[in-house]
Amino acid sequence: MTSNARLSSRSVTHGLVPHGLRWEPKWEPTYRGTLALSRVVNAALPRSAAGSGVCCLDGEVGLFPATRRRLRIAGGILRVMQAPAPPLLPLLRSRLQAELLTVVLLTPGREWSLTELADRAGSSLSSAQREMARAEEAGVVSSRRLGSTRLVTAADSPLTGPLTELLLRSFGPRQVVAEELAEVVGIESAFLFGSWAARYAGQRGRAPADIDVLVIGDPDRDEVDDAAQRAGVRLAREVNVTIRSRQWWREGGDGFHAEVTGRPLVPVVAEQSVP
């Protein structure tokens, strides 16, 4: 391959340019460019070259050591970083970012390990670590090390209060409702449904005006209503609770069951004995 061969992608990322290819200074390195280059390389690789590091660029064939593996990793990171903005709070970059910040900022004074945060958000440890590093750099969380464990907590910052309020109103319902229902006896499981659950699941639409909760079990109605009222005060919006039996949940048959189970459901109380 000649030294004046050029990359087919419009932009590349530092460290992924093979020897012998000329760098064009006007091409700004971007993560989007990395993904574009990954697609170019993967599409151009002949079957016989799989795993050999051979690639085709502008019709020429040459050695490109570990290209496929490195670009595949870069593409995976990019997919996390370019996740769509969450409909519940489009100001934030991703739902993962919102989930992690909600957990930390809505529990001031508590320290969370990165492993706990990753488990709560259903993410990888590395993704949680990146998000918390950005949040600490922005001054909304602080961290310390305890042995080999990194502990994260809400920071005492002028930014923390306003951001916490935003997260409470948008992503807070799941955590707040769970906290208020935790002490109510007789609840086997509980879910958020309706417009809030749809936005949480990524469906676009108008901002939810209230919060709909489905409780499965046989709890005291007054206790549930009291819990819903407390949650409503904290969230500054109405919380509507519907109680249904375990048999209804398992067998259904009416229109409401079909409507609820046919749309997004967000668990707030883990199922104990309901199959």
Foldseek 3Di string as FASTA:
>chain_A
DALDFEAPFQAAAPPQDDHSYDDDVVRDHDLVSLLVSLVQFVVQDDPVCVPVQWTAGPRDIDHRPPNNVVSVVSVVVVCVQQAQQQQLDNVDRHLLLLQLLQVALVDAPDKDWLVRSCVSSVHDSVVSVVSVVVCVVVPQKDWDDDDPTIIIHGGPDPPSVVVNLSSCQRVVLLALLLVLCVPWPFFQWKWKFDPSLQSSVPHHDDHDQAIEMETETDTDPVSSVVSQVVSCVSNVHHYHYDYDYLCCQVPPDDPVNCVGVVGGIGISGDGDPRD
